[in-house]
PDB file of N, CA and C in Angstrom:
ATOM      1  N   MET A   1       0.836  -1.189   0.000  1.00  0.00           N
ATOM      2  CA  MET A   1       0.000   0.000   0.000  1.00  0.00           C
ATOM      3  C   MET A   1       0.880   1.251   0.000  1.00  0.00           C
ATOM      4  N   PRO A   2       0.660   2.126  -0.962  1.00  0.00           N
ATOM      5  CA  PRO A   2       1.465   3.352  -0.981  1.00  0.00           C
ATOM      6  C   PRO A   2       0.928   4.379   0.014  1.00  0.00           C
ATOM      7  N   THR A   3       1.813   5.241   0.460  1.00  0.00           N
ATOM      8  CA  THR A   3       1.374   6.357   1.286  1.00  0.00           C
ATOM      9  C   THR A   3       0.894   7.480   0.367  1.00  0.00           C
ATOM     10  N   GLU A   4       0.238   8.446   0.940  1.00  0.00           N
ATOM     11  CA  GLU A   4      -0.202   9.604   0.156  1.00  0.00           C
ATOM     12  C   GLU A   4       1.004  10.322  -0.433  1.00  0.00           C
ATOM     13  N   ALA A   5       2.100  10.374   0.323  1.00  0.00           N
ATOM     14  CA  ALA A   5       3.320  11.038  -0.154  1.00  0.00           C
ATOM     15  C   ALA A   5       3.903  10.318  -1.363  1.00  0.00           C
ATOM     16  N   THR A   6       3.849   8.993  -1.355  1.00  0.00           N
ATOM     17  CA  THR A   6       4.365   8.221  -2.487  1.00  0.00           C
ATOM     18  C   THR A   6       3.544   8.494  -3.733  1.00  0.00           C
ATOM     19  N   VAL A   7       2.235   8.466  -3.600  1.00  0.00           N
ATOM     20  CA  VAL A   7       1.358   8.730  -4.748  1.00  0.00           C
ATOM     21  C   VAL A   7       1.558  10.161  -5.241  1.00  0.00           C
ATOM     22  N   ALA A   8       1.680  11.112  -4.328  1.00  0.00           N
ATOM     23  CA  ALA A   8       1.911  12.501  -4.719  1.00  0.00           C
ATOM     24  C   ALA A   8       3.223  12.629  -5.485  1.00  0.00           C
ATOM     25  N   HIS A   9       4.259  11.920  -5.032  1.00  0.00           N
ATOM     26  CA  HIS A   9       5.547  11.958  -5.722  1.00  0.00           C
ATOM     27  C   HIS A   9       5.426  11.401  -7.140  1.00  0.00           C
ATOM     28  N   ILE A  10       4.718  10.296  -7.299  1.00  0.00           N
ATOM     29  CA  ILE A  10       4.511   9.691  -8.618  1.00  0.00           C
ATOM     30  C   ILE A  10       3.777  10.670  -9.537  1.00  0.00           C
ATOM     31  N   LEU A  11       2.735  11.311  -9.030  1.00  0.00           N
ATOM     32  CA  LEU A  11       1.949  12.238  -9.838  1.00  0.00           C
ATOM     33  C   LEU A  11       2.743  13.488 -10.219  1.00  0.00           C
ATOM     34  N   VAL A  12       3.478  14.041  -9.266  1.00  0.00           N
ATOM     35  CA  VAL A  12       4.284  15.230  -9.566  1.00  0.00           C
ATOM     36  C   VAL A  12       5.369  14.877 -10.584  1.00  0.00           C
ATOM     37  N   SER A  13       5.997  13.723 -10.399  1.00  0.00           N
ATOM     38  CA  SER A  13       7.022  13.296 -11.355  1.00  0.00           C
ATOM     39  C   SER A  13       6.428  13.119 -12.745  1.00  0.00           C
ATOM     40  N   ARG A  14       5.228  12.566 -12.806  1.00  0.00           N
ATOM     41  CA  ARG A  14       4.585  12.300 -14.095  1.00  0.00           C
ATOM     42  C   ARG A  14       4.105  13.570 -14.780  1.00  0.00           C
ATOM     43  N   TYR A  15       3.358  14.399 -14.064  1.00  0.00           N
ATOM     44  CA  TYR A  15       2.690  15.524 -14.705  1.00  0.00           C
ATOM     45  C   TYR A  15       3.438  16.844 -14.612  1.00  0.00           C
ATOM     46  N   ALA A  16       4.188  17.081 -13.569  1.00  0.00           N
ATOM     47  CA  ALA A  16       4.936  18.338 -13.461  1.00  0.00           C
ATOM     48  C   ALA A  16       6.331  18.200 -14.056  1.00  0.00           C
ATOM     49  N   ASP A  17       6.962  17.033 -13.838  1.00  0.00           N
ATOM     50  CA  ASP A  17       8.324  16.822 -14.327  1.00  0.00           C
ATOM     51  C   ASP A  17       8.362  16.051 -15.636  1.00  0.00           C
ATOM     52  N   HIS A  18       7.205  15.643 -16.155  1.00  0.00           N
ATOM     53  CA  HIS A  18       7.080  14.944 -17.447  1.00  0.00           C
ATOM     54  C   HIS A  18       7.915  13.662 -17.483  1.00  0.00           C
ATOM     55  N   LEU A  19       7.894  12.918 -16.388  1.00  0.00           N
ATOM     56  CA  LEU A  19       8.651  11.671 -16.282  1.00  0.00           C
ATOM     57  C   LEU A  19       7.681  10.501 -16.444  1.00  0.00           C
ATOM     58  N   PRO A  20       7.742   9.780 -17.564  1.00  0.00           N
ATOM     59  CA  PRO A  20       6.796   8.685 -17.803  1.00  0.00           C
ATOM     60  C   PRO A  20       6.872   7.602 -16.724  1.00  0.00           C
ATOM     61  N   LEU A  21       5.785   6.859 -16.584  1.00  0.00           N
ATOM     62  CA  LEU A  21       5.725   5.827 -15.548  1.00  0.00           C
ATOM     63  C   LEU A  21       6.767   4.736 -15.757  1.00  0.00           C
ATOM     64  N   TYR A  22       7.073   4.383 -16.999  1.00  0.00           N
ATOM     65  CA  TYR A  22       8.072   3.335 -17.206  1.00  0.00           C
ATOM     66  C   TYR A  22       9.446   3.786 -16.717  1.00  0.00           C
ATOM     67  N   ARG A  23       9.758   5.071 -16.861  1.00  0.00           N
ATOM     68  CA  ARG A  23      11.034   5.571 -16.347  1.00  0.00           C
ATOM     69  C   ARG A  23      11.035   5.604 -14.826  1.00  0.00           C
ATOM     70  N   GLN A  24       9.902   5.970 -14.247  1.00  0.00           N
ATOM     71  CA  GLN A  24       9.820   5.959 -12.782  1.00  0.00           C
ATOM     72  C   GLN A  24      10.009   4.550 -12.255  1.00  0.00           C
ATOM     73  N   ALA A  25       9.434   3.557 -12.934  1.00  0.00           N
ATOM     74  CA  ALA A  25       9.602   2.158 -12.529  1.00  0.00           C
ATOM     75  C   ALA A  25      11.076   1.759 -12.613  1.00  0.00           C
ATOM     76  N   GLN A  26      11.773   2.217 -13.665  1.00  0.00           N
ATOM     77  CA  GLN A  26      13.200   1.921 -13.804  1.00  0.00           C
ATOM     78  C   GLN A  26      14.015   2.561 -12.691  1.00  0.00           C
ATOM     79  N   ILE A  27      13.696   3.799 -12.350  1.00  0.00           N
ATOM     80  CA  ILE A  27      14.405   4.504 -11.281  1.00  0.00           C
ATOM     81  C   ILE A  27      14.200   3.780  -9.958  1.00  0.00           C
ATOM     82  N   LEU A  28      12.962   3.405  -9.674  1.00  0.00           N
ATOM     83  CA  LEU A  28      12.676   2.682  -8.435  1.00  0.00           C
ATOM     84  C   LEU A  28      13.402   1.333  -8.405  1.00  0.00           C
ATOM     85  N   ALA A  29      13.457   0.646  -9.543  1.00  0.00           N
ATOM     86  CA  ALA A  29      14.135  -0.658  -9.617  1.00  0.00           C
ATOM     87  C   ALA A  29      15.624  -0.513  -9.310  1.00  0.00           C
ATOM     88  N   ARG A  30      16.241   0.557  -9.788  1.00  0.00           N
ATOM     89  CA  ARG A  30      17.664   0.789  -9.489  1.00  0.00           C
ATOM     90  C   ARG A  30      17.902   0.969  -7.999  1.00  0.00           C
ATOM     91  N   GLN A  31      16.874   1.408  -7.297  1.00  0.00           N
ATOM     92  CA  GLN A  31      16.974   1.598  -5.849  1.00  0.00           C
ATOM     93  C   GLN A  31      16.533   0.351  -5.090  1.00  0.00           C
ATOM     94  N   GLY A  32      16.242  -0.716  -5.829  1.00  0.00           N
ATOM     95  CA  GLY A  32      15.843  -1.969  -5.205  1.00  0.00           C
ATOM     96  C   GLY A  32      14.360  -2.079  -4.901  1.00  0.00           C
ATOM     97  N   ILE A  33      13.568  -1.187  -5.460  1.00  0.00           N
ATOM     98  CA  ILE A  33      12.119  -1.197  -5.232  1.00  0.00           C
ATOM     99  C   ILE A  33      11.442  -1.623  -6.530  1.00  0.00           C
ATOM    100  N   GLU A  34      10.940  -2.847  -6.566  1.00  0.00           N
ATOM    101  CA  GLU A  34      10.309  -3.377  -7.778  1.00  0.00           C
ATOM    102  C   GLU A  34       8.817  -3.059  -7.779  1.00  0.00           C
ATOM    103  N   ILE A  35       8.457  -2.000  -8.483  1.00  0.00           N
ATOM    104  CA  ILE A  35       7.047  -1.619  -8.643  1.00  0.00           C
ATOM    105  C   ILE A  35       6.820  -1.472 -10.141  1.00  0.00           C
ATOM    106  N   GLY A  36       5.938  -2.284 -10.685  1.00  0.00           N
ATOM    107  CA  GLY A  36       5.681  -2.277 -12.126  1.00  0.00           C
ATOM    108  C   GLY A  36       4.929  -1.041 -12.581  1.00  0.00           C
ATOM    109  N   ARG A  37       5.057  -0.768 -13.858  1.00  0.00           N
ATOM    110  CA  ARG A  37       4.372   0.380 -14.460  1.00  0.00           C
ATOM    111  C   ARG A  37       2.862   0.261 -14.301  1.00  0.00           C
ATOM    112  N   GLU A  38       2.335  -0.981 -14.369  1.00  0.00           N
ATOM    113  CA  GLU A  38       0.884  -1.156 -14.234  1.00  0.00           C
ATOM    114  C   GLU A  38       0.403  -0.787 -12.835  1.00  0.00           C
ATOM    115  N   VAL A  39       1.237  -1.009 -11.824  1.00  0.00           N
ATOM    116  CA  VAL A  39       0.880  -0.627 -10.458  1.00  0.00           C
ATOM    117  C   VAL A  39       0.896   0.897 -10.325  1.00  0.00           C
ATOM    118  N   LEU A  40       1.909   1.528 -10.899  1.00  0.00           N
ATOM    119  CA  LEU A  40       1.983   2.993 -10.865  1.00  0.00           C
ATOM    120  C   LEU A  40       0.783   3.595 -11.598  1.00  0.00           C
ATOM    121  N   ALA A  41       0.389   2.980 -12.713  1.00  0.00           N
ATOM    122  CA  ALA A  41      -0.772   3.461 -13.453  1.00  0.00           C
ATOM    123  C   ALA A  41      -2.053   3.314 -12.626  1.00  0.00           C
ATOM    124  N   ASP A  42      -2.158   2.209 -11.892  1.00  0.00           N
ATOM    125  CA  ASP A  42      -3.324   2.000 -11.031  1.00  0.00           C
ATOM    126  C   ASP A  42      -3.376   3.063  -9.940  1.00  0.00           C
ATOM    127  N   TRP A  43      -2.225   3.340  -9.332  1.00  0.00           N
ATOM    128  CA  TRP A  43      -2.182   4.388  -8.298  1.00  0.00           C
ATOM    129  C   TRP A  43      -2.578   5.738  -8.885  1.00  0.00           C
ATOM    130  N   THR A  44      -2.139   6.013 -10.112  1.00  0.00           N
ATOM    131  CA  THR A  44      -2.474   7.275 -10.772  1.00  0.00           C
ATOM    132  C   THR A  44      -3.982   7.375 -10.997  1.00  0.00           C
ATOM    133  N   GLY A  45      -4.590   6.283 -11.457  1.00  0.00           N
ATOM    134  CA  GLY A  45      -6.038   6.263 -11.672  1.00  0.00           C
ATOM    135  C   GLY A  45      -6.820   6.426 -10.384  1.00  0.00           C
ATOM    136  N   THR A  46      -6.361   5.768  -9.339  1.00  0.00           N
ATOM    137  CA  THR A  46      -7.023   5.886  -8.036  1.00  0.00           C
ATOM    138  C   THR A  46      -6.946   7.319  -7.519  1.00  0.00           C
ATOM    139  N   ALA A  47      -5.776   7.927  -7.679  1.00  0.00           N
ATOM    140  CA  ALA A  47      -5.611   9.321  -7.237  1.00  0.00           C
ATOM    141  C   ALA A  47      -6.527  10.242  -8.029  1.00  0.00           C
ATOM    142  N   ALA A  48      -6.668   9.981  -9.331  1.00  0.00           N
ATOM    143  CA  ALA A  48      -7.554  10.807 -10.163  1.00  0.00           C
ATOM    144  C   ALA A  48      -8.990  10.734  -9.658  1.00  0.00           C
ATOM    145  N   ASN A  49      -9.432   9.539  -9.273  1.00  0.00           N
ATOM    146  CA  ASN A  49     -10.786   9.400  -8.731  1.00  0.00           C
ATOM    147  C   ASN A  49     -10.942  10.137  -7.413  1.00  0.00           C
ATOM    148  N   GLU A  50      -9.901  10.152  -6.608  1.00  0.00           N
ATOM    149  CA  GLU A  50      -9.972  10.814  -5.300  1.00  0.00           C
ATOM    150  C   GLU A  50     -10.087  12.334  -5.420  1.00  0.00           C
ATOM    151  N   VAL A  51      -9.486  12.912  -6.458  1.00  0.00           N
ATOM    152  CA  VAL A  51      -9.510  14.371  -6.585  1.00  0.00           C
ATOM    153  C   VAL A  51     -10.635  14.873  -7.491  1.00  0.00           C
ATOM    154  N   LYS A  52     -11.485  13.983  -7.985  1.00  0.00           N
ATOM    155  CA  LYS A  52     -12.580  14.400  -8.865  1.00  0.00           C
ATOM    156  C   LYS A  52     -13.450  15.514  -8.281  1.00  0.00           C
ATOM    157  N   PRO A  53     -13.847  15.443  -6.998  1.00  0.00           N
ATOM    158  CA  PRO A  53     -14.670  16.536  -6.459  1.00  0.00           C
ATOM    159  C   PRO A  53     -13.958  17.889  -6.487  1.00  0.00           C
ATOM    160  N   VAL A  54     -12.659  17.885  -6.255  1.00  0.00           N
ATOM    161  CA  VAL A  54     -11.889  19.132  -6.292  1.00  0.00           C
ATOM    162  C   VAL A  54     -11.832  19.659  -7.723  1.00  0.00           C
ATOM    163  N   VAL A  55     -11.578  18.790  -8.676  1.00  0.00           N
ATOM    164  CA  VAL A  55     -11.514  19.187 -10.084  1.00  0.00           C
ATOM    165  C   VAL A  55     -12.867  19.714 -10.545  1.00  0.00           C
ATOM    166  N   ARG A  56     -13.929  19.051 -10.143  1.00  0.00           N
ATOM    167  CA  ARG A  56     -15.283  19.480 -10.513  1.00  0.00           C
ATOM    168  C   ARG A  56     -15.554  20.906  -9.999  1.00  0.00           C
ATOM    169  N   ARG A  57     -15.178  21.154  -8.753  1.00  0.00           N
ATOM    170  CA  ARG A  57     -15.409  22.489  -8.169  1.00  0.00           C
ATOM    171  C   ARG A  57     -14.545  23.546  -8.836  1.00  0.00           C
ATOM    172  N   MET A  58     -13.295  23.203  -9.117  1.00  0.00           N
ATOM    173  CA  MET A  58     -12.406  24.151  -9.808  1.00  0.00           C
ATOM    174  C   MET A  58     -12.963  24.500 -11.187  1.00  0.00           C
ATOM    175  N   ARG A  59     -13.502  23.497 -11.874  1.00  0.00           N
ATOM    176  CA  ARG A  59     -14.103  23.729 -13.191  1.00  0.00           C
ATOM    177  C   ARG A  59     -15.270  24.711 -13.086  1.00  0.00           C
ATOM    178  N   GLU A  60     -16.114  24.513 -12.096  1.00  0.00           N
ATOM    179  CA  GLU A  60     -17.246  25.434 -11.885  1.00  0.00           C
ATOM    180  C   GLU A  60     -16.756  26.858 -11.689  1.00  0.00           C
ATOM    181  N   ILE A  61     -15.756  27.015 -10.843  1.00  0.00           N
ATOM    182  CA  ILE A  61     -15.228  28.348 -10.551  1.00  0.00           C
ATOM    183  C   ILE A  61     -14.608  28.972 -11.800  1.00  0.00           C
ATOM    184  N   LEU A  62     -13.788  28.188 -12.519  1.00  0.00           N
ATOM    185  CA  LEU A  62     -13.125  28.712 -13.710  1.00  0.00           C
ATOM    186  C   LEU A  62     -14.108  29.087 -14.803  1.00  0.00           C
ATOM    187  N   LEU A  63     -15.091  28.236 -15.047  1.00  0.00           N
ATOM    188  CA  LEU A  63     -16.053  28.537 -16.101  1.00  0.00           C
ATOM    189  C   LEU A  63     -16.983  29.684 -15.733  1.00  0.00           C
ATOM    190  N   GLY A  64     -17.052  30.010 -14.467  1.00  0.00           N
ATOM    191  CA  GLY A  64     -17.843  31.152 -14.028  1.00  0.00           C
ATOM    192  C   GLY A  64     -17.078  32.463 -14.106  1.00  0.00           C
ATOM    193  N   SER A  65     -15.791  32.410 -14.428  1.00  0.00           N
ATOM    194  CA  SER A  65     -14.954  33.613 -14.513  1.00  0.00           C
ATOM    195  C   SER A  65     -15.217  34.370 -15.806  1.00  0.00           C
ATOM    196  N   ALA A  66     -14.966  35.654 -15.753  1.00  0.00           N
ATOM    197  CA  ALA A  66     -15.135  36.491 -16.945  1.00  0.00           C
ATOM    198  C   ALA A  66     -14.021  36.226 -17.956  1.00  0.00           C
ATOM    199  N   ARG A  67     -12.812  35.922 -17.474  1.00  0.00           N
ATOM    200  CA  ARG A  67     -11.664  35.667 -18.355  1.00  0.00           C
ATOM    201  C   ARG A  67     -10.869  34.479 -17.838  1.00  0.00           C
ATOM    202  N   LEU A  68     -10.282  33.737 -18.776  1.00  0.00           N
ATOM    203  CA  LEU A  68      -9.387  32.634 -18.433  1.00  0.00           C
ATOM    204  C   LEU A  68      -8.054  32.861 -19.123  1.00  0.00           C
ATOM    205  N   PHE A  69      -6.974  32.546 -18.441  1.00  0.00           N
ATOM    206  CA  PHE A  69      -5.641  32.644 -19.008  1.00  0.00           C
ATOM    207  C   PHE A  69      -4.997  31.269 -18.945  1.00  0.00           C
ATOM    208  N   ALA A  70      -4.219  30.921 -19.967  1.00  0.00           N
ATOM    209  CA  ALA A  70      -3.586  29.605 -20.007  1.00  0.00           C
ATOM    210  C   ALA A  70      -2.154  29.724 -20.509  1.00  0.00           C
ATOM    211  N   ASP A  71      -1.320  28.825 -20.062  1.00  0.00           N
ATOM    212  CA  ASP A  71       0.053  28.728 -20.534  1.00  0.00           C
ATOM    213  C   ASP A  71       0.083  27.687 -21.650  1.00  0.00           C
ATOM    214  N   GLU A  72       0.358  28.106 -22.864  1.00  0.00           N
ATOM    215  CA  GLU A  72       0.364  27.190 -23.993  1.00  0.00           C
ATOM    216  C   GLU A  72       1.777  26.911 -24.480  1.00  0.00           C
ATOM    217  N   THR A  73       2.725  26.875 -23.547  1.00  0.00           N
ATOM    218  CA  THR A  73       4.106  26.565 -23.889  1.00  0.00           C
ATOM    219  C   THR A  73       4.191  25.132 -24.395  1.00  0.00           C
ATOM    220  N   THR A  74       4.864  24.926 -25.512  1.00  0.00           N
ATOM    221  CA  THR A  74       5.009  23.581 -26.054  1.00  0.00           C
ATOM    222  C   THR A  74       6.117  22.828 -25.316  1.00  0.00           C
ATOM    223  N   MET A  75       6.011  21.504 -25.338  1.00  0.00           N
ATOM    224  CA  MET A  75       7.003  20.624 -24.707  1.00  0.00           C
ATOM    225  C   MET A  75       7.407  19.563 -25.726  1.00  0.00           C
ATOM    226  N   PRO A  76       8.673  19.154 -25.715  1.00  0.00           N
ATOM    227  CA  PRO A  76       9.039  18.039 -26.589  1.00  0.00           C
ATOM    228  C   PRO A  76       8.487  16.725 -26.022  1.00  0.00           C
ATOM    229  N   VAL A  77       7.870  15.926 -26.877  1.00  0.00           N
ATOM    230  CA  VAL A  77       7.346  14.619 -26.479  1.00  0.00           C
ATOM    231  C   VAL A  77       7.897  13.560 -27.431  1.00  0.00           C
ATOM    232  N   LEU A  78       8.040  12.343 -26.928  1.00  0.00           N
ATOM    233  CA  LEU A  78       8.572  11.268 -27.750  1.00  0.00           C
ATOM    234  C   LEU A  78       7.631  10.928 -28.894  1.00  0.00           C
ATOM    235  N   ASP A  79       8.204  10.653 -30.050  1.00  0.00           N
ATOM    236  CA  ASP A  79       7.462  10.199 -31.221  1.00  0.00           C
ATOM    237  C   ASP A  79       8.071   8.873 -31.627  1.00  0.00           C
ATOM    238  N   PRO A  80       7.636   7.769 -30.961  1.00  0.00           N
ATOM    239  CA  PRO A  80       8.303   6.469 -31.115  1.00  0.00           C
ATOM    240  C   PRO A  80       8.437   5.974 -32.552  1.00  0.00           C
ATOM    241  N   GLY A  81       7.468   6.199 -33.391  1.00  0.00           N
ATOM    242  CA  GLY A  81       7.526   5.708 -34.767  1.00  0.00           C
ATOM    243  C   GLY A  81       8.637   6.346 -35.576  1.00  0.00           C
ATOM    244  N   ARG A  82       8.985   7.581 -35.232  1.00  0.00           N
ATOM    245  CA  ARG A  82      10.009   8.301 -35.992  1.00  0.00           C
ATOM    246  C   ARG A  82      11.357   8.301 -35.273  1.00  0.00           C
ATOM    247  N   GLY A  83      11.404   7.860 -34.029  1.00  0.00           N
ATOM    248  CA  GLY A  83      12.657   7.791 -33.301  1.00  0.00           C
ATOM    249  C   GLY A  83      13.202   9.139 -32.869  1.00  0.00           C
ATOM    250  N   ARG A  84      12.341  10.103 -32.711  1.00  0.00           N
ATOM    251  CA  ARG A  84      12.753  11.432 -32.238  1.00  0.00           C
ATOM    252  C   ARG A  84      11.600  12.090 -31.491  1.00  0.00           C
ATOM    253  N   THR A  85      11.722  13.348 -31.208  1.00  0.00           N
ATOM    254  CA  THR A  85      10.656  14.051 -30.478  1.00  0.00           C
ATOM    255  C   THR A  85       9.879  14.968 -31.417  1.00  0.00           C
ATOM    256  N   LYS A  86       8.699  15.351 -30.936  1.00  0.00           N
ATOM    257  CA  LYS A  86       7.873  16.323 -31.653  1.00  0.00           C
ATOM    258  C   LYS A  86       7.332  17.314 -30.633  1.00  0.00           C
ATOM    259  N   LYS A  87       6.753  18.402 -31.104  1.00  0.00           N
ATOM    260  CA  LYS A  87       6.161  19.385 -30.186  1.00  0.00           C
ATOM    261  C   LYS A  87       4.828  18.884 -29.683  1.00  0.00           C
ATOM    262  N   GLY A  88       4.616  19.040 -28.389  1.00  0.00           N
ATOM    263  CA  GLY A  88       3.348  18.636 -27.795  1.00  0.00           C
ATOM    264  C   GLY A  88       2.727  19.762 -27.028  1.00  0.00           C
TER     265      GLY A  88
END
């Protein structure tokens, strides 16, 4: 069973640091912690379900605003078929 801190670390690494789950599994394995990508994905899905009420409320607040601002900075993402990256 993961702690809340462990799940938070996985999510921040995935979404803020753009570190895919397979790489996180490799990093953990190097430290002697064998956690498969499918387990990390399950934890990610469970966390998403837990924060749904917060996301729903944030959506209500944002859509009720007169103006919305967004950061549309592009990021390089892997393009496996071509063996290089593309803009995402």
